[in-house]
Amino acid sequence: MAQALILHHYEGSPYAEKVRLMFGLAGARWHSLLCPAWPPRPSLDPLVGGYRRIPVAQLGADIFCDSTLIATEVALLTQCAALDPSAVSDEAANLMLQAEKEAFFAAVGAVPPMRLLGTMLRKFGPLGTYRFVKDRSGLLKGGSARAPQPEQAGDILNALLEAIRARLDGREWLDGDSPSIADFSVYHPLWLHVNCSRRTLQADTRVLDWYQRVGEIGHGRREEIGPETAFSAARDAEPRAVPASTGEEASLVGEQVDVAPADYGVQPVRGKLLAVDEQRIVVARDTADFGRVHVHFPRAGYSIAIAS
């Protein structure tokens, strides 16, 4: 990877763990910029313009939102085809969807409430726990995602564990003879559950062995940086060329738009639409501090609306 990608993240973020493991598989050097677990995020907000979710990746004046799109970028930068989400089999893609959609919120919901509270107090302290709970309680507002009821969460998590067990029948990895983005996408909700519950995963031996193998891949060559390094990278670079636009929404190119996730954390990013195709959305933000930056989103799961 000629230029080190900057990852804006916090240690306990499960989606960030998914990305950190990608760096491990690729043996990549990357820059780590740690952010608060809840907004505001002073080292990130000026660059991304209101995007609520984490992690976010940065390469110069190009900002990449959503771990799926980050995976595509890491695959290209490292020439590691195993990290390309579009290259997985249909069976693995279905398992990834099950893990990252239905089971993701169940991973927390399946933890007994008092144990979950104890975990948050250990990580954030009393005031931080209050702020974290207050922030996360509004995360689903206005979006399509719904957290399962506590009595359903355990069944949903167990269904994922059974699906993993079945997929591992006769193999060590979820999509082929070696690790891939499929393993990291399915692993990270379980990693979240283990961290929240502070207990060993209750699963079949094959699942436990796979879980351990994934964790042992590590995080590659990590280098900590401060906000000014990321700000300078954006200020000193020109955004890269954008792809040609296709589809009905190509008529919106040049308009001021709001782009937002559809499922949760739906705060929009406003900018000039530069490109939209089947894979991604790119908007330009003109900032006083960094000049023009391009913010990239995956097309799937994101909405585009003319700014009012």
Protein backbone atom coordinates (compact mmCIF):
# COMPACT_ATOMS: atom_id res chain seq x y z
CA MET A 1 0.00 0.00 0.00
CA ALA A 2 1.95 3.02 -1.31
CA GLN A 3 0.12 5.58 0.87
CA ALA A 4 -0.99 4.64 4.36
CA LEU A 5 -4.73 4.78 4.88
CA ILE A 6 -5.89 6.72 7.94
CA LEU A 7 -8.54 4.97 10.00
CA HIS A 8 -10.65 7.18 12.27
CA HIS A 9 -11.94 4.77 14.91
CA TYR A 10 -12.17 3.87 18.57
CA GLU A 11 -10.85 0.68 20.12
CA GLY A 12 -14.23 -0.79 21.09
CA SER A 13 -15.89 -0.25 17.70
CA PRO A 14 -16.86 -3.63 16.20
CA TYR A 15 -16.92 -2.31 12.63
CA ALA A 16 -13.48 -0.83 13.22
CA GLU A 17 -12.30 -4.26 14.40
CA LYS A 18 -13.55 -5.64 11.09
CA VAL A 19 -11.36 -3.12 9.24
CA ARG A 20 -8.35 -3.56 11.53
CA LEU A 21 -8.39 -7.28 10.74
CA MET A 22 -8.38 -6.44 7.02
CA PHE A 23 -5.08 -4.64 7.55
CA GLY A 24 -3.84 -7.71 9.37
CA LEU A 25 -4.70 -10.05 6.51
CA ALA A 26 -3.07 -7.73 3.99
CA GLY A 27 -0.02 -7.14 6.19
CA ALA A 28 -0.64 -3.43 5.58
CA ARG A 29 0.82 -0.37 7.22
CA TRP A 30 -1.89 2.07 8.33
CA HIS A 31 -2.40 5.17 10.43
CA SER A 32 -4.67 5.02 13.49
CA LEU A 33 -6.48 8.16 14.63
CA LEU A 34 -8.49 7.43 17.75
CA CYS A 35 -11.83 9.22 18.19
CA PRO A 36 -14.39 9.42 21.00
CA ALA A 37 -16.95 6.60 21.09
CA TRP A 38 -19.76 9.14 20.62
CA PRO A 39 -20.09 12.48 18.81
CA PRO A 40 -18.82 15.14 18.69
CA ARG A 41 -15.56 13.91 17.17
CA PRO A 42 -13.38 16.99 16.66
CA SER A 43 -10.73 15.16 14.66
CA LEU A 44 -13.27 13.73 12.21
CA ASP A 45 -16.37 15.94 12.04
CA PRO A 46 -14.68 18.82 10.15
CA LEU A 47 -13.63 16.38 7.42
CA VAL A 48 -16.74 14.28 7.00
CA GLY A 49 -19.42 16.90 7.60
CA GLY A 50 -21.86 15.27 9.98
CA TYR A 51 -21.60 11.55 9.23
CA ARG A 52 -22.56 9.86 12.48
CA ARG A 53 -21.09 6.38 12.14
CA ILE A 54 -17.63 4.99 12.75
CA PRO A 55 -15.11 3.96 11.42
CA VAL A 56 -14.23 6.34 8.61
CA ALA A 57 -11.17 5.95 6.40
CA GLN A 58 -9.17 8.72 4.79
CA LEU A 59 -6.68 8.85 1.96
CA GLY A 60 -5.58 12.44 1.45
CA ALA A 61 -8.65 14.51 0.56
CA ASP A 62 -10.84 11.45 -0.03
CA ILE A 63 -12.99 10.27 2.86
CA PHE A 64 -14.60 6.81 2.84
CA CYS A 65 -17.69 6.04 4.91
CA ASP A 66 -19.04 2.58 5.81
CA SER A 67 -16.92 -0.51 6.40
CA THR A 68 -18.18 -2.14 3.18
CA LEU A 69 -16.77 0.66 1.05
CA ILE A 70 -13.63 0.80 3.20
CA ALA A 71 -13.14 -2.91 2.46
CA THR A 72 -13.30 -2.19 -1.27
CA GLU A 73 -10.68 0.55 -0.87
CA VAL A 74 -8.35 -1.60 1.25
CA ALA A 75 -8.65 -4.43 -1.28
CA LEU A 76 -7.61 -2.07 -4.09
CA LEU A 77 -4.80 -0.39 -2.17
CA THR A 78 -3.27 -3.62 -0.91
CA GLN A 79 -4.06 -5.73 -3.99
CA CYS A 80 -5.66 -8.24 -1.61
CA ALA A 81 -8.58 -9.69 -3.56
CA ALA A 82 -9.79 -11.64 -0.51
CA LEU A 83 -10.96 -8.33 1.00
CA ASP A 84 -13.23 -7.41 -1.92
CA PRO A 85 -16.89 -7.70 -0.78
CA SER A 86 -18.03 -8.19 -4.38
CA ALA A 87 -15.90 -11.33 -4.74
CA VAL A 88 -17.54 -13.51 -2.07
CA SER A 89 -19.80 -16.43 -2.89
CA ASP A 90 -23.58 -16.11 -2.58
CA GLU A 91 -23.58 -18.40 0.45
CA ALA A 92 -20.96 -16.31 2.23
CA ALA A 93 -22.73 -13.08 1.26
CA ASN A 94 -25.95 -14.34 2.86
CA LEU A 95 -24.10 -15.20 6.05
CA MET A 96 -22.47 -11.75 6.09
CA LEU A 97 -25.88 -10.15 5.74
CA GLN A 98 -27.26 -12.23 8.58
CA ALA A 99 -24.36 -11.22 10.82
CA GLU A 100 -24.23 -7.51 10.01
CA LYS A 101 -27.94 -6.81 9.94
CA GLU A 102 -30.13 -9.02 12.11
CA ALA A 103 -27.46 -10.36 14.47
CA PHE A 104 -25.51 -7.14 15.00
CA PHE A 105 -27.99 -5.57 17.42
CA ALA A 106 -28.75 -8.96 18.92
CA ALA A 107 -25.09 -9.26 19.91
CA VAL A 108 -25.65 -6.53 22.49
CA GLY A 109 -29.28 -7.39 23.27
CA ALA A 110 -28.29 -10.93 24.26
CA VAL A 111 -26.08 -9.64 27.09
CA PRO A 112 -27.83 -9.48 30.51
CA PRO A 113 -28.55 -5.80 31.24
CA MET A 114 -26.60 -5.58 34.51
CA ARG A 115 -23.56 -7.21 32.94
CA LEU A 116 -23.78 -4.81 30.01
CA LEU A 117 -24.00 -1.87 32.40
CA GLY A 118 -20.95 -3.16 34.26
CA THR A 119 -19.00 -3.36 31.01
CA MET A 120 -19.85 0.23 30.09
CA LEU A 121 -18.93 1.49 33.55
CA ARG A 122 -15.56 -0.22 33.27
CA LYS A 123 -14.87 1.28 29.85
CA PHE A 124 -16.36 4.75 30.16
CA GLY A 125 -16.94 5.51 33.84
CA PRO A 126 -20.27 6.85 35.17
CA LEU A 127 -20.39 10.08 33.16
CA GLY A 128 -19.12 8.40 29.98
CA THR A 129 -21.70 5.62 30.38
CA TYR A 130 -24.46 8.21 30.65
CA ARG A 131 -23.22 9.94 27.49
CA PHE A 132 -22.82 6.65 25.64
CA VAL A 133 -26.31 5.41 26.51
CA LYS A 134 -27.84 8.78 25.65
CA ASP A 135 -26.12 8.79 22.28
CA ARG A 136 -26.90 5.19 21.37
CA SER A 137 -30.54 5.46 22.44
CA GLY A 138 -31.15 7.77 19.48
CA LEU A 139 -29.09 5.78 17.00
CA LEU A 140 -32.06 3.99 15.43
CA LYS A 141 -34.36 7.01 15.34
CA GLY A 142 -35.59 7.70 11.81
CA GLY A 143 -33.94 4.62 10.31
CA SER A 144 -35.18 1.27 9.10
CA ALA A 145 -33.18 -0.89 11.55
CA ARG A 146 -34.90 -2.23 14.64
CA ALA A 147 -33.25 -3.73 17.70
CA PRO A 148 -34.72 -7.09 18.69
CA GLN A 149 -36.55 -7.55 21.95
CA PRO A 150 -34.26 -8.96 24.68
CA GLU A 151 -36.11 -12.28 24.68
CA GLN A 152 -35.48 -12.60 20.93
CA ALA A 153 -31.85 -11.50 20.89
CA GLY A 154 -30.45 -14.75 22.25
CA ASP A 155 -32.30 -16.81 19.64
CA ILE A 156 -31.05 -14.56 16.83
CA LEU A 157 -27.46 -14.83 18.04
CA ASN A 158 -27.75 -18.60 18.40
CA ALA A 159 -29.13 -18.84 14.87
CA LEU A 160 -26.03 -17.05 13.60
CA LEU A 161 -23.76 -19.38 15.54
CA GLU A 162 -25.55 -22.39 14.07
CA ALA A 163 -25.26 -20.96 10.56
CA ILE A 164 -21.53 -20.46 11.09
CA ARG A 165 -21.17 -24.01 12.39
CA ALA A 166 -22.94 -25.39 9.34
CA ARG A 167 -20.81 -23.27 7.00
CA LEU A 168 -17.61 -24.51 8.69
CA ASP A 169 -18.50 -28.14 8.09
CA GLY A 170 -15.41 -29.47 6.32
CA ARG A 171 -13.65 -26.09 6.07
CA GLU A 172 -11.61 -23.73 8.25
CA TRP A 173 -12.81 -20.45 6.74
CA LEU A 174 -16.21 -19.18 5.66
CA ASP A 175 -15.50 -18.67 1.98
CA GLY A 176 -12.73 -20.82 0.60
CA ASP A 177 -9.41 -22.19 1.78
CA SER A 178 -8.12 -18.96 3.29
CA PRO A 179 -9.50 -16.02 5.31
CA SER A 180 -11.45 -13.28 3.58
CA ILE A 181 -13.77 -10.36 4.14
CA ALA A 182 -16.53 -12.90 4.85
CA ASP A 183 -14.76 -14.05 8.02
CA PHE A 184 -14.26 -10.50 9.31
CA SER A 185 -17.84 -9.45 8.55
CA VAL A 186 -19.26 -12.41 10.45
CA TYR A 187 -16.69 -12.26 13.24
CA HIS A 188 -17.15 -8.68 14.42
CA PRO A 189 -20.70 -8.96 15.90
CA LEU A 190 -19.45 -11.94 17.92
CA TRP A 191 -16.40 -9.92 18.98
CA LEU A 192 -18.82 -7.22 20.16
CA HIS A 193 -20.86 -9.76 22.11
CA VAL A 194 -17.77 -11.21 23.80
CA ASN A 195 -16.48 -7.76 24.73
CA CYS A 196 -19.85 -6.66 26.11
CA SER A 197 -20.51 -9.84 28.05
CA ARG A 198 -16.89 -10.35 29.19
CA ARG A 199 -17.44 -14.08 28.74
CA THR A 200 -16.14 -16.73 26.40
CA LEU A 201 -18.35 -17.31 23.37
CA GLN A 202 -20.81 -20.12 24.00
CA ALA A 203 -20.59 -22.07 20.77
CA ASP A 204 -19.62 -25.30 19.03
CA THR A 205 -15.91 -26.17 19.06
CA ARG A 206 -15.62 -25.55 15.31
CA VAL A 207 -17.00 -22.05 15.76
CA LEU A 208 -14.72 -21.34 18.71
CA ASP A 209 -11.66 -22.55 16.80
CA TRP A 210 -12.61 -20.36 13.82
CA TYR A 211 -13.21 -17.38 16.11
CA GLN A 212 -9.73 -17.80 17.57
CA ARG A 213 -8.13 -18.14 14.13
CA VAL A 214 -9.71 -14.90 12.96
CA GLY A 215 -8.58 -12.99 16.04
CA GLU A 216 -5.02 -14.25 15.62
CA ILE A 217 -4.73 -12.58 12.21
CA GLY A 218 -3.97 -9.32 13.99
CA HIS A 219 -4.08 -5.72 12.81
CA GLY A 220 -1.12 -5.29 10.50
CA ARG A 221 1.38 -2.45 11.01
CA ARG A 222 -0.41 0.22 13.02
CA GLU A 223 0.99 3.71 13.60
CA GLU A 224 -0.77 6.22 15.85
CA ILE A 225 -1.21 9.77 14.55
CA GLY A 226 -2.85 12.96 15.79
CA PRO A 227 -5.60 15.08 14.22
CA GLU A 228 -3.23 17.57 12.59
CA THR A 229 -1.66 14.79 10.52
CA ALA A 230 -5.08 13.88 9.11
CA PHE A 231 -5.97 17.54 8.59
CA SER A 232 -2.66 18.17 6.77
CA ALA A 233 -3.23 15.11 4.59
CA ALA A 234 -6.58 16.53 3.46
CA ARG A 235 -5.25 20.07 3.08
CA ASP A 236 -2.19 19.08 1.04
CA ALA A 237 -3.91 16.69 -1.39
CA GLU A 238 -6.28 16.97 -4.30
CA PRO A 239 -9.24 14.57 -4.36
CA ARG A 240 -8.96 11.81 -6.91
CA ALA A 241 -10.99 11.63 -10.11
CA VAL A 242 -14.53 10.33 -9.70
CA PRO A 243 -16.18 7.53 -11.71
CA ALA A 244 -18.68 8.19 -14.46
CA SER A 245 -22.27 8.39 -13.25
CA THR A 246 -24.90 5.89 -14.34
CA GLY A 247 -28.58 5.24 -13.70
CA GLU A 248 -31.54 7.53 -13.11
CA GLU A 249 -29.84 9.43 -10.30
CA ALA A 250 -27.08 10.59 -12.64
CA SER A 251 -29.42 13.50 -13.46
CA LEU A 252 -28.75 14.82 -9.94
CA VAL A 253 -25.01 15.28 -10.53
CA GLY A 254 -24.10 18.90 -9.82
CA GLU A 255 -26.93 19.39 -7.31
CA GLN A 256 -26.55 20.03 -3.59
CA VAL A 257 -27.73 16.83 -1.93
CA ASP A 258 -28.05 15.17 1.45
CA VAL A 259 -26.66 11.63 1.65
CA ALA A 260 -27.54 9.46 4.64
CA PRO A 261 -27.63 5.82 5.75
CA ALA A 262 -31.10 4.31 5.54
CA ASP A 263 -30.87 1.91 8.48
CA TYR A 264 -29.43 3.75 11.49
CA GLY A 265 -27.31 6.76 12.34
CA VAL A 266 -29.21 8.61 9.61
CA GLN A 267 -27.71 12.08 10.02
CA PRO A 268 -26.99 13.31 6.48
CA VAL A 269 -23.85 14.70 4.88
CA ARG A 270 -24.51 17.66 2.59
CA GLY A 271 -22.44 18.36 -0.49
CA LYS A 272 -22.40 18.68 -4.25
CA LEU A 273 -23.14 15.35 -5.92
CA LEU A 274 -20.18 14.49 -8.14
CA ALA A 275 -20.86 10.88 -9.04
CA VAL A 276 -23.32 8.06 -8.47
CA ASP A 277 -23.31 4.57 -9.92
CA GLU A 278 -24.26 1.07 -8.77
CA GLN A 279 -21.34 0.90 -6.33
CA ARG A 280 -20.89 4.33 -4.76
CA ILE A 281 -21.96 7.90 -4.18
CA VAL A 282 -19.40 10.74 -4.13
CA VAL A 283 -20.12 14.24 -2.87
CA ALA A 284 -17.81 17.26 -2.71
CA ARG A 285 -17.55 19.37 0.42
CA ASP A 286 -15.84 22.73 0.12
CA THR A 287 -14.30 23.58 3.48
CA ALA A 288 -12.51 26.66 4.77
CA ASP A 289 -9.78 24.66 6.47
CA PHE A 290 -9.00 21.89 3.97
CA GLY A 291 -10.30 23.08 0.62
CA ARG A 292 -12.34 20.55 -1.30
CA VAL A 293 -12.76 17.04 0.05
CA HIS A 294 -14.64 14.15 -1.55
CA VAL A 295 -16.80 12.02 0.71
CA HIS A 296 -17.56 8.51 -0.60
CA PHE A 297 -20.47 6.27 0.40
CA PRO A 298 -21.60 2.86 -0.82
CA ARG A 299 -24.68 3.09 -3.03
CA ALA A 300 -26.48 0.21 -1.32
CA GLY A 301 -28.16 1.24 1.92
CA TYR A 302 -27.79 5.01 1.43
CA SER A 303 -30.30 7.63 0.33
CA ILE A 304 -29.80 10.71 -1.85
CA ALA A 305 -32.13 13.72 -1.50
CA ILE A 306 -32.00 17.20 -2.95
CA ALA A 307 -30.89 19.55 -0.17
CA SER A 308 -33.70 21.75 1.08
